[in-house]
Amino acid sequence: MFRIGVVQNNPKFLKPKPNVAASLELMDRLTADLWVLPELFHTGYNFKTKAEAAKCAERADGELAQVLKAWTAANRSAVVAGFAEKAGAKLYNSAMLVDGPKARVYRKTHLFGNEKKFFAPGDTGFWTADVKGVKVGVMICFDWFFPESARTLALQGAQVIAHSANLVLPWGPEGMKIRSLENRVYSATANRVGAERGLRYIGQSQVVAPNGGLLARLGDDVRAFVVDTDPWTAKDKKVHPKNDLFQDRRPAYYFKRG
């Protein structure tokens, strides 16, 4: 059994300390092997200028990372958390996977809307990391719209996709059911709620099984939940006794011309 926890928050804009404290307080009430927090969970999202985005941006080894390293070590739990990353002169919309002393950063590959004004396109590529023997992949919000994101992670062996999000479009939660089904993986989407400078976030944080079935979904309230999963079922890519999801792929023909 592998317990996946999801936090759905409503951060105060540019108030990182109370936002982190509020999320950790929700997590302290439950026990999970992996927690997933929303995109930019500790700063808010709807920046108007790059200076605003930079105001609460942190280095990958900054204060947020140190807080999460201490919390995960004390609770024997990994955390995926979205944050604004400062790297030299560039800003990235990133998520860090923290597991005790270990931390790794994913930078959002597919930027959405005004994010392009503030953030550089992600350059890390997609990767997976081991959490208690389970392979976890990370993607951020609009990455879901591109089937290549989840498929790349699945081909790398991901059993669980941690999906940090600030969803405002209505299709994301249903779309992630398809991403789980077509890759036979668990997905955990952590979204935020509330309104911020004219944007309203849809909530509906959820966990989906490899068969596309919805295991849990929230409404528009601030809360955390935990779901028991069996990630080893995500290694089974059989969709029929004679069909294997990955062995039946024919990449040589996907981009063939003429």
C-alpha atoms as a PDB file:
ATOM      1  CA  MET A   1       0.000   0.000   0.000  1.00  0.00           C
ATOM      2  CA  PHE A   2       1.218   3.486  -0.889  1.00  0.00           C
ATOM      3  CA  ARG A   3      -0.645   6.432   0.597  1.00  0.00           C
ATOM      4  CA  ILE A   4      -1.006   9.517  -1.612  1.00  0.00           C
ATOM      5  CA  GLY A   5      -1.992  12.788   0.035  1.00  0.00           C
ATOM      6  CA  VAL A   6      -3.256  15.874  -1.787  1.00  0.00           C
ATOM      7  CA  VAL A   7      -3.532  19.437  -0.467  1.00  0.00           C
ATOM      8  CA  GLN A   8      -6.062  21.889  -1.915  1.00  0.00           C
ATOM      9  CA  ASN A   9      -5.284  25.375  -0.656  1.00  0.00           C
ATOM     10  CA  ASN A  10      -6.217  29.028  -1.182  1.00  0.00           C
ATOM     11  CA  PRO A  11      -2.937  30.909  -0.795  1.00  0.00           C
ATOM     12  CA  LYS A  12      -2.659  34.530   0.213  1.00  0.00           C
ATOM     13  CA  PHE A  13      -0.994  36.413  -2.624  1.00  0.00           C
ATOM     14  CA  LEU A  14       2.745  36.973  -2.044  1.00  0.00           C
ATOM     15  CA  LYS A  15       2.526  35.726   1.569  1.00  0.00           C
ATOM     16  CA  PRO A  16       4.763  32.624   1.500  1.00  0.00           C
ATOM     17  CA  LYS A  17       5.243  32.013   5.230  1.00  0.00           C
ATOM     18  CA  PRO A  18       1.533  31.786   6.198  1.00  0.00           C
ATOM     19  CA  ASN A  19       0.808  29.788   3.031  1.00  0.00           C
ATOM     20  CA  VAL A  20       3.465  27.202   3.849  1.00  0.00           C
ATOM     21  CA  ALA A  21       2.344  27.047   7.475  1.00  0.00           C
ATOM     22  CA  ALA A  22      -1.310  26.539   6.494  1.00  0.00           C
ATOM     23  CA  SER A  23      -0.457  23.685   4.111  1.00  0.00           C
ATOM     24  CA  LEU A  24       1.795  21.943   6.608  1.00  0.00           C
ATOM     25  CA  GLU A  25      -0.943  22.234   9.226  1.00  0.00           C
ATOM     26  CA  LEU A  26      -3.328  20.357   6.915  1.00  0.00           C
ATOM     27  CA  MET A  27      -0.684  17.709   6.241  1.00  0.00           C
ATOM     28  CA  ASP A  28       0.104  17.291   9.938  1.00  0.00           C
ATOM     29  CA  ARG A  29      -3.403  15.920  10.499  1.00  0.00           C
ATOM     30  CA  LEU A  30      -2.960  12.955   8.147  1.00  0.00           C
ATOM     31  CA  THR A  31      -0.353  10.380   7.180  1.00  0.00           C
ATOM     32  CA  ALA A  32       0.859   9.804   3.635  1.00  0.00           C
ATOM     33  CA  ASP A  33       3.880   8.403   1.826  1.00  0.00           C
ATOM     34  CA  LEU A  34       3.691  11.143  -0.804  1.00  0.00           C
ATOM     35  CA  TRP A  35       2.070  14.559  -0.566  1.00  0.00           C
ATOM     36  CA  VAL A  36       1.232  16.675  -3.622  1.00  0.00           C
ATOM     37  CA  LEU A  37       0.725  20.426  -3.263  1.00  0.00           C
ATOM     38  CA  PRO A  38      -0.540  22.885  -5.901  1.00  0.00           C
ATOM     39  CA  GLU A  39       1.435  24.882  -8.416  1.00  0.00           C
ATOM     40  CA  LEU A  40       2.979  28.017  -6.852  1.00  0.00           C
ATOM     41  CA  PHE A  41       1.291  26.950  -3.623  1.00  0.00           C
ATOM     42  CA  HIS A  42       3.164  29.362  -1.389  1.00  0.00           C
ATOM     43  CA  THR A  43       3.071  32.590  -3.449  1.00  0.00           C
ATOM     44  CA  GLY A  44      -0.155  32.713  -5.410  1.00  0.00           C
ATOM     45  CA  TYR A  45      -0.206  32.700  -9.190  1.00  0.00           C
ATOM     46  CA  ASN A  46      -1.583  35.754 -10.991  1.00  0.00           C
ATOM     47  CA  PHE A  47       1.470  37.999 -11.187  1.00  0.00           C
ATOM     48  CA  LYS A  48       1.231  41.249 -13.125  1.00  0.00           C
ATOM     49  CA  THR A  49       4.967  41.953 -13.481  1.00  0.00           C
ATOM     50  CA  LYS A  50       8.170  39.950 -13.432  1.00  0.00           C
ATOM     51  CA  ALA A  51       9.172  41.946 -10.352  1.00  0.00           C
ATOM     52  CA  GLU A  52       6.160  40.522  -8.522  1.00  0.00           C
ATOM     53  CA  ALA A  53       7.051  37.004  -9.598  1.00  0.00           C
ATOM     54  CA  ALA A  54      10.630  37.552  -8.457  1.00  0.00           C
ATOM     55  CA  LYS A  55       9.602  38.964  -5.086  1.00  0.00           C
ATOM     56  CA  CYS A  56       8.873  35.558  -3.548  1.00  0.00           C
ATOM     57  CA  ALA A  57      10.895  33.395  -5.906  1.00  0.00           C
ATOM     58  CA  GLU A  58      13.448  31.128  -4.227  1.00  0.00           C
ATOM     59  CA  ARG A  59      16.518  29.203  -5.168  1.00  0.00           C
ATOM     60  CA  ALA A  60      16.060  25.442  -5.356  1.00  0.00           C
ATOM     61  CA  ASP A  61      18.064  25.123  -2.129  1.00  0.00           C
ATOM     62  CA  GLY A  62      16.372  28.069  -0.414  1.00  0.00           C
ATOM     63  CA  GLU A  63      14.216  28.452   2.667  1.00  0.00           C
ATOM     64  CA  LEU A  64      11.240  26.507   1.270  1.00  0.00           C
ATOM     65  CA  ALA A  65      13.447  23.544   0.427  1.00  0.00           C
ATOM     66  CA  GLN A  66      14.947  23.560   3.926  1.00  0.00           C
ATOM     67  CA  VAL A  67      11.504  23.675   5.559  1.00  0.00           C
ATOM     68  CA  LEU A  68      10.248  20.795   3.428  1.00  0.00           C
ATOM     69  CA  LYS A  69      13.406  18.746   3.990  1.00  0.00           C
ATOM     70  CA  ALA A  70      12.932  19.043   7.745  1.00  0.00           C
ATOM     71  CA  TRP A  71       9.198  18.248   7.552  1.00  0.00           C
ATOM     72  CA  THR A  72       9.609  15.236   5.274  1.00  0.00           C
ATOM     73  CA  ALA A  73      12.434  13.837   7.407  1.00  0.00           C
ATOM     74  CA  ALA A  74      10.336  14.177  10.564  1.00  0.00           C
ATOM     75  CA  ASN A  75       7.259  12.629   8.945  1.00  0.00           C
ATOM     76  CA  ARG A  76       8.948  10.024   6.737  1.00  0.00           C
ATOM     77  CA  SER A  77       6.984  11.335   3.787  1.00  0.00           C
ATOM     78  CA  ALA A  78       7.943  12.854   0.438  1.00  0.00           C
ATOM     79  CA  VAL A  79       6.418  16.109  -0.850  1.00  0.00           C
ATOM     80  CA  VAL A  80       5.952  17.551  -4.327  1.00  0.00           C
ATOM     81  CA  ALA A  81       5.444  21.308  -4.082  1.00  0.00           C
ATOM     82  CA  GLY A  82       5.077  23.965  -6.767  1.00  0.00           C
ATOM     83  CA  PHE A  83       7.140  27.147  -6.349  1.00  0.00           C
ATOM     84  CA  ALA A  84       8.614  30.101  -8.245  1.00  0.00           C
ATOM     85  CA  GLU A  85      12.276  29.258  -8.742  1.00  0.00           C
ATOM     86  CA  LYS A  86      15.057  31.814  -9.043  1.00  0.00           C
ATOM     87  CA  ALA A  87      18.068  30.570 -11.014  1.00  0.00           C
ATOM     88  CA  GLY A  88      20.516  33.321 -11.871  1.00  0.00           C
ATOM     89  CA  ALA A  89      18.681  35.954 -13.897  1.00  0.00           C
ATOM     90  CA  LYS A  90      15.894  33.543 -14.836  1.00  0.00           C
ATOM     91  CA  LEU A  91      12.656  32.596 -13.127  1.00  0.00           C
ATOM     92  CA  TYR A  92      11.017  29.201 -13.583  1.00  0.00           C
ATOM     93  CA  ASN A  93       7.598  27.832 -12.708  1.00  0.00           C
ATOM     94  CA  SER A  94       8.916  24.773 -10.887  1.00  0.00           C
ATOM     95  CA  ALA A  95       8.038  21.943  -8.554  1.00  0.00           C
ATOM     96  CA  MET A  96      10.409  20.273  -6.129  1.00  0.00           C
ATOM     97  CA  LEU A  97      10.201  16.684  -4.998  1.00  0.00           C
ATOM     98  CA  VAL A  98      11.596  16.626  -1.465  1.00  0.00           C
ATOM     99  CA  ASP A  99      12.270  13.422   0.449  1.00  0.00           C
ATOM    100  CA  GLY A 100      14.243  14.032   3.634  1.00  0.00           C
ATOM    101  CA  PRO A 101      17.680  15.347   2.627  1.00  0.00           C
ATOM    102  CA  LYS A 102      17.030  14.710  -1.074  1.00  0.00           C
ATOM    103  CA  ALA A 103      15.446  17.269  -3.377  1.00  0.00           C
ATOM    104  CA  ARG A 104      15.034  17.440  -7.127  1.00  0.00           C
ATOM    105  CA  VAL A 105      13.464  20.171  -9.248  1.00  0.00           C
ATOM    106  CA  TYR A 106      11.237  19.921 -12.300  1.00  0.00           C
ATOM    107  CA  ARG A 107      10.735  23.086 -14.372  1.00  0.00           C
ATOM    108  CA  LYS A 108       7.406  23.417 -16.173  1.00  0.00           C
ATOM    109  CA  THR A 109       7.774  22.443 -19.805  1.00  0.00           C
ATOM    110  CA  HIS A 110       4.569  23.947 -21.214  1.00  0.00           C
ATOM    111  CA  LEU A 111       3.942  27.483 -19.971  1.00  0.00           C
ATOM    112  CA  PHE A 112       0.379  28.802 -20.013  1.00  0.00           C
ATOM    113  CA  GLY A 113      -0.811  32.297 -20.958  1.00  0.00           C
ATOM    114  CA  ASN A 114       0.860  35.142 -19.098  1.00  0.00           C
ATOM    115  CA  GLU A 115       3.357  32.774 -17.479  1.00  0.00           C
ATOM    116  CA  LYS A 116       5.423  33.369 -20.610  1.00  0.00           C
ATOM    117  CA  LYS A 117       5.937  36.976 -19.506  1.00  0.00           C
ATOM    118  CA  PHE A 118       7.643  35.993 -16.263  1.00  0.00           C
ATOM    119  CA  PHE A 119       9.016  32.475 -16.509  1.00  0.00           C
ATOM    120  CA  ALA A 120      11.575  30.874 -18.782  1.00  0.00           C
ATOM    121  CA  PRO A 121      10.490  27.630 -20.489  1.00  0.00           C
ATOM    122  CA  GLY A 122      11.466  24.636 -18.401  1.00  0.00           C
ATOM    123  CA  ASP A 123      14.755  22.976 -19.307  1.00  0.00           C
ATOM    124  CA  THR A 124      14.891  19.979 -16.963  1.00  0.00           C
ATOM    125  CA  GLY A 125      12.865  17.590 -19.078  1.00  0.00           C
ATOM    126  CA  PHE A 126      10.651  14.988 -17.443  1.00  0.00           C
ATOM    127  CA  TRP A 127      12.120  12.589 -14.894  1.00  0.00           C
ATOM    128  CA  THR A 128      11.120  10.082 -12.242  1.00  0.00           C
ATOM    129  CA  ALA A 129      12.390   9.564  -8.697  1.00  0.00           C
ATOM    130  CA  ASP A 130      12.076   6.710  -6.238  1.00  0.00           C
ATOM    131  CA  VAL A 131       9.818   7.242  -3.210  1.00  0.00           C
ATOM    132  CA  LYS A 132       9.672   4.218  -0.906  1.00  0.00           C
ATOM    133  CA  GLY A 133      10.204   1.911  -3.857  1.00  0.00           C
ATOM    134  CA  VAL A 134       7.618   3.647  -6.055  1.00  0.00           C
ATOM    135  CA  LYS A 135       8.600   5.599  -9.170  1.00  0.00           C
ATOM    136  CA  VAL A 136       7.085   9.084  -9.058  1.00  0.00           C
ATOM    137  CA  GLY A 137       7.019  11.522 -11.972  1.00  0.00           C
ATOM    138  CA  VAL A 138       6.227  15.234 -11.800  1.00  0.00           C
ATOM    139  CA  MET A 139       4.334  17.561 -14.109  1.00  0.00           C
ATOM    140  CA  ILE A 140       2.780  20.995 -13.631  1.00  0.00           C
ATOM    141  CA  CYS A 141      -0.718  22.184 -14.577  1.00  0.00           C
ATOM    142  CA  PHE A 142      -0.876  22.882 -18.364  1.00  0.00           C
ATOM    143  CA  ASP A 143       1.565  20.030 -19.011  1.00  0.00           C
ATOM    144  CA  TRP A 144      -1.516  17.798 -18.788  1.00  0.00           C
ATOM    145  CA  PHE A 145      -2.806  19.185 -22.097  1.00  0.00           C
ATOM    146  CA  PHE A 146       0.117  17.582 -23.924  1.00  0.00           C
ATOM    147  CA  PRO A 147      -0.151  13.762 -24.014  1.00  0.00           C
ATOM    148  CA  GLU A 148       3.612  13.563 -24.431  1.00  0.00           C
ATOM    149  CA  SER A 149       4.125  14.739 -20.853  1.00  0.00           C
ATOM    150  CA  ALA A 150       2.452  11.814 -19.106  1.00  0.00           C
ATOM    151  CA  ARG A 151       3.556   9.332 -21.772  1.00  0.00           C
ATOM    152  CA  THR A 152       7.210  10.353 -21.343  1.00  0.00           C
ATOM    153  CA  LEU A 153       6.927   9.811 -17.594  1.00  0.00           C
ATOM    154  CA  ALA A 154       5.183   6.469 -18.052  1.00  0.00           C
ATOM    155  CA  LEU A 155       7.859   5.282 -20.473  1.00  0.00           C
ATOM    156  CA  GLN A 156      10.399   6.122 -17.785  1.00  0.00           C
ATOM    157  CA  GLY A 157       8.566   3.789 -15.443  1.00  0.00           C
ATOM    158  CA  ALA A 158       6.434   6.258 -13.481  1.00  0.00           C
ATOM    159  CA  GLN A 159       3.791   4.503 -11.406  1.00  0.00           C
ATOM    160  CA  VAL A 160       2.441   7.744  -9.921  1.00  0.00           C
ATOM    161  CA  ILE A 161       2.296  11.159 -11.597  1.00  0.00           C
ATOM    162  CA  ALA A 162       2.281  14.061  -9.161  1.00  0.00           C
ATOM    163  CA  HIS A 163       0.457  16.903 -10.901  1.00  0.00           C
ATOM    164  CA  SER A 164       0.757  20.283  -9.188  1.00  0.00           C
ATOM    165  CA  ALA A 165      -1.774  22.671 -10.700  1.00  0.00           C
ATOM    166  CA  ASN A 166      -3.577  26.017 -10.621  1.00  0.00           C
ATOM    167  CA  LEU A 167      -6.380  24.990 -12.966  1.00  0.00           C
ATOM    168  CA  VAL A 168      -8.747  27.630 -14.296  1.00  0.00           C
ATOM    169  CA  LEU A 169      -9.920  25.794 -17.432  1.00  0.00           C
ATOM    170  CA  PRO A 170     -12.654  23.203 -16.865  1.00  0.00           C
ATOM    171  CA  TRP A 171     -11.149  20.233 -18.704  1.00  0.00           C
ATOM    172  CA  GLY A 172      -8.147  19.365 -16.532  1.00  0.00           C
ATOM    173  CA  PRO A 173      -9.692  16.980 -13.981  1.00  0.00           C
ATOM    174  CA  GLU A 174     -11.486  14.935 -16.644  1.00  0.00           C
ATOM    175  CA  GLY A 175      -8.441  15.055 -18.910  1.00  0.00           C
ATOM    176  CA  MET A 176      -6.244  13.559 -16.212  1.00  0.00           C
ATOM    177  CA  LYS A 177      -8.533  10.518 -16.149  1.00  0.00           C
ATOM    178  CA  ILE A 178      -7.523   9.935 -19.767  1.00  0.00           C
ATOM    179  CA  ARG A 179      -3.827  10.502 -18.989  1.00  0.00           C
ATOM    180  CA  SER A 180      -4.030   7.837 -16.282  1.00  0.00           C
ATOM    181  CA  LEU A 181      -5.953   5.406 -18.472  1.00  0.00           C
ATOM    182  CA  GLU A 182      -3.830   5.743 -21.606  1.00  0.00           C
ATOM    183  CA  ASN A 183      -0.641   5.230 -19.565  1.00  0.00           C
ATOM    184  CA  ARG A 184      -1.985   2.890 -16.871  1.00  0.00           C
ATOM    185  CA  VAL A 185      -0.611   5.034 -14.040  1.00  0.00           C
ATOM    186  CA  TYR A 186      -1.956   6.725 -10.927  1.00  0.00           C
ATOM    187  CA  SER A 187      -2.233  10.499 -11.110  1.00  0.00           C
ATOM    188  CA  ALA A 188      -2.637  12.920  -8.220  1.00  0.00           C
ATOM    189  CA  THR A 189      -3.726  16.446  -9.150  1.00  0.00           C
ATOM    190  CA  ALA A 190      -3.383  19.098  -6.450  1.00  0.00           C
ATOM    191  CA  ASN A 191      -5.252  22.246  -7.441  1.00  0.00           C
ATOM    192  CA  ARG A 192      -6.032  25.429  -5.553  1.00  0.00           C
ATOM    193  CA  VAL A 193      -9.321  27.227  -4.956  1.00  0.00           C
ATOM    194  CA  GLY A 194     -10.488  30.809  -4.566  1.00  0.00           C
ATOM    195  CA  ALA A 195     -10.180  33.906  -6.741  1.00  0.00           C
ATOM    196  CA  GLU A 196      -7.137  36.039  -7.416  1.00  0.00           C
ATOM    197  CA  ARG A 197      -7.069  39.213  -9.510  1.00  0.00           C
ATOM    198  CA  GLY A 198      -9.879  38.093 -11.782  1.00  0.00           C
ATOM    199  CA  LEU A 199      -8.912  34.423 -12.021  1.00  0.00           C
ATOM    200  CA  ARG A 200     -11.082  31.816 -10.350  1.00  0.00           C
ATOM    201  CA  TYR A 201      -9.575  28.414  -9.651  1.00  0.00           C
ATOM    202  CA  ILE A 202     -11.742  25.348 -10.021  1.00  0.00           C
ATOM    203  CA  GLY A 203     -10.469  23.112  -7.221  1.00  0.00           C
ATOM    204  CA  GLN A 204     -11.481  19.489  -7.913  1.00  0.00           C
ATOM    205  CA  SER A 205      -8.175  18.085  -6.690  1.00  0.00           C
ATOM    206  CA  GLN A 206      -8.210  14.351  -7.252  1.00  0.00           C
ATOM    207  CA  VAL A 207      -6.496  10.977  -7.416  1.00  0.00           C
ATOM    208  CA  VAL A 208      -7.118   8.714 -10.412  1.00  0.00           C
ATOM    209  CA  ALA A 209      -6.370   4.990 -10.746  1.00  0.00           C
ATOM    210  CA  PRO A 210      -4.570   3.333 -13.700  1.00  0.00           C
ATOM    211  CA  ASN A 211      -7.925   2.242 -15.133  1.00  0.00           C
ATOM    212  CA  GLY A 212      -9.089   5.864 -15.288  1.00  0.00           C
ATOM    213  CA  GLY A 213     -11.338   5.450 -12.285  1.00  0.00           C
ATOM    214  CA  LEU A 214     -11.748   8.365  -9.923  1.00  0.00           C
ATOM    215  CA  LEU A 215     -10.603   7.416  -6.417  1.00  0.00           C
ATOM    216  CA  ALA A 216     -11.303  10.788  -4.796  1.00  0.00           C
ATOM    217  CA  ARG A 217     -12.157  14.323  -5.884  1.00  0.00           C
ATOM    218  CA  LEU A 218     -12.688  17.467  -3.841  1.00  0.00           C
ATOM    219  CA  GLY A 219     -15.060  20.342  -4.499  1.00  0.00           C
ATOM    220  CA  ASP A 220     -14.022  23.947  -3.915  1.00  0.00           C
ATOM    221  CA  ASP A 221     -13.109  23.768  -0.237  1.00  0.00           C
ATOM    222  CA  VAL A 222      -9.705  24.089   1.422  1.00  0.00           C
ATOM    223  CA  ARG A 223      -8.679  20.702   2.748  1.00  0.00           C
ATOM    224  CA  ALA A 224      -6.352  17.734   2.421  1.00  0.00           C
ATOM    225  CA  PHE A 225      -7.121  14.074   1.833  1.00  0.00           C
ATOM    226  CA  VAL A 226      -5.269  10.764   1.600  1.00  0.00           C
ATOM    227  CA  VAL A 227      -5.979   7.796  -0.672  1.00  0.00           C
ATOM    228  CA  ASP A 228      -4.604   4.265  -0.348  1.00  0.00           C
ATOM    229  CA  THR A 229      -3.177   2.996  -3.645  1.00  0.00           C
ATOM    230  CA  ASP A 230      -1.401  -0.061  -5.012  1.00  0.00           C
ATOM    231  CA  PRO A 231       1.184   1.438  -7.406  1.00  0.00           C
ATOM    232  CA  TRP A 232       2.468  -1.981  -8.401  1.00  0.00           C
ATOM    233  CA  THR A 233      -0.690  -2.410 -10.479  1.00  0.00           C
ATOM    234  CA  ALA A 234       0.648   0.466 -12.614  1.00  0.00           C
ATOM    235  CA  LYS A 235       3.377  -1.871 -13.859  1.00  0.00           C
ATOM    236  CA  ASP A 236       0.775  -3.971 -15.647  1.00  0.00           C
ATOM    237  CA  LYS A 237       0.390  -2.494 -19.123  1.00  0.00           C
ATOM    238  CA  LYS A 238      -1.842  -5.264 -20.474  1.00  0.00           C
ATOM    239  CA  VAL A 239      -5.075  -3.950 -21.950  1.00  0.00           C
ATOM    240  CA  HIS A 240      -5.927  -7.393 -23.396  1.00  0.00           C
ATOM    241  CA  PRO A 241      -4.195 -10.778 -23.099  1.00  0.00           C
ATOM    242  CA  LYS A 242      -2.649 -10.134 -26.529  1.00  0.00           C
ATOM    243  CA  ASN A 243      -2.052  -6.402 -26.188  1.00  0.00           C
ATOM    244  CA  ASP A 244       0.545  -4.591 -24.131  1.00  0.00           C
ATOM    245  CA  LEU A 245       0.249  -0.806 -24.005  1.00  0.00           C
ATOM    246  CA  PHE A 246       3.969  -0.212 -24.534  1.00  0.00           C
ATOM    247  CA  GLN A 247       5.097  -3.308 -26.426  1.00  0.00           C
ATOM    248  CA  ASP A 248       2.472  -2.617 -29.101  1.00  0.00           C
ATOM    249  CA  ARG A 249       3.724   0.909 -29.748  1.00  0.00           C
ATOM    250  CA  ARG A 250       5.121   1.525 -33.259  1.00  0.00           C
ATOM    251  CA  PRO A 251       7.134   4.750 -32.926  1.00  0.00           C
ATOM    252  CA  ALA A 252       8.799   4.313 -36.303  1.00  0.00           C
ATOM    253  CA  TYR A 253       5.462   5.063 -37.945  1.00  0.00           C
ATOM    254  CA  TYR A 254       4.269   7.924 -35.771  1.00  0.00           C
ATOM    255  CA  PHE A 255       6.178  10.583 -37.702  1.00  0.00           C
ATOM    256  CA  LYS A 256       6.569   8.764 -41.006  1.00  0.00           C
ATOM    257  CA  ARG A 257       5.902  10.934 -44.059  1.00  0.00           C
ATOM    258  CA  GLY A 258       4.972  10.028 -47.598  1.00  0.00           C
END
